[in-house]
Structures are given as C-alpha cells and as structure tokens.
Amino acid sequence: MENDIMTISQAATYLQVCQKTVRRLIDSKKLVASKVGNTWRIKKADIEKYLEENKNI
C-alpha cells in the first residue's frame, strides 16, 4: 500500500526538487500542507493537484 501522506523530504523526492523548494511552495501557499507537531505533512493528492494546476498547456 502506497503512503498517502508525505514529509517534506518524501515530497521533495517525489517531485525531484530540493526540500527548500517544497518549503517555499508551502510558505507561499501554492502547496497545501498541514503542520503536525513541528513537521509538515503533505497529502499526495495535494501534490497531484498542484501539478495539475501548474501545467504549461
């Protein structure tokens, strides 16, 4: 079963970008994330939504 919730590190690996880029997307509210304790959690569905909304077609 595939994990539906990712850490910043996992999201960065999935998107093939650095963790700093994921943090910037979260800070600018372009990528939806939830704070759990001191760490961010990102739903894979929200990453997919971000990618869909930012196509260059």
Protein backbone atom coordinates (compact mmCIF):
# COMPACT_ATOMS: atom_id res chain seq x y z
CA MET A 1 0.00 0.00 0.00
CA GLU A 2 1.36 3.36 -1.03
CA ASN A 3 1.72 6.06 1.61
CA ASP A 4 -0.78 8.88 1.01
CA ILE A 5 0.86 11.34 3.41
CA MET A 6 4.42 12.56 2.89
CA THR A 7 7.03 14.51 4.79
CA ILE A 8 8.83 17.41 3.13
CA SER A 9 11.72 15.09 2.35
CA GLN A 10 9.46 12.50 0.73
CA ALA A 11 7.58 15.17 -1.23
CA ALA A 12 10.87 16.62 -2.47
CA THR A 13 11.99 13.20 -3.65
CA TYR A 14 8.64 12.59 -5.35
CA LEU A 15 8.78 15.97 -7.13
CA GLN A 16 12.52 15.63 -7.83
CA VAL A 17 13.31 19.00 -6.25
CA CYS A 18 15.17 20.04 -3.11
CA GLN A 19 13.45 20.29 0.27
CA LYS A 20 13.88 24.05 0.23
CA THR A 21 11.68 24.24 -2.88
CA VAL A 22 8.91 22.29 -1.15
CA ARG A 23 9.16 24.59 1.88
CA ARG A 24 8.87 27.64 -0.40
CA LEU A 25 5.77 26.19 -2.06
CA ILE A 26 4.20 25.61 1.35
CA ASP A 27 5.19 29.07 2.65
CA SER A 28 3.72 30.74 -0.45
CA LYS A 29 0.55 28.65 -0.04
CA LYS A 30 0.94 27.16 -3.51
CA LEU A 31 1.13 23.67 -1.99
CA VAL A 32 -1.33 22.64 0.72
CA ALA A 33 0.27 21.10 3.81
CA SER A 34 -0.59 20.51 7.46
CA LYS A 35 1.65 21.07 10.44
CA VAL A 36 1.81 18.07 12.77
CA GLY A 37 3.91 18.91 15.78
CA ASN A 38 6.99 20.58 14.34
CA THR A 39 6.84 18.90 10.96
CA TRP A 40 4.85 19.42 7.79
CA ARG A 41 2.75 16.67 6.21
CA ILE A 42 1.59 16.80 2.61
CA LYS A 43 -1.10 14.63 1.06
CA LYS A 44 -0.10 13.03 -2.21
CA ALA A 45 -3.46 14.15 -3.63
CA ASP A 46 -2.50 17.78 -2.88
CA ILE A 47 0.81 17.33 -4.69
CA GLU A 48 -1.04 15.89 -7.68
CA LYS A 49 -3.49 18.83 -7.56
CA TYR A 50 -0.58 21.29 -7.50
CA LEU A 51 0.98 19.59 -10.51
CA GLU A 52 -2.31 19.59 -12.41
CA GLU A 53 -2.91 23.28 -11.71
CA ASN A 54 0.60 24.24 -12.85
CA LYS A 55 0.72 22.57 -16.24
CA ASN A 56 2.03 24.67 -19.08
CA ILE A 57 -0.50 23.60 -21.67
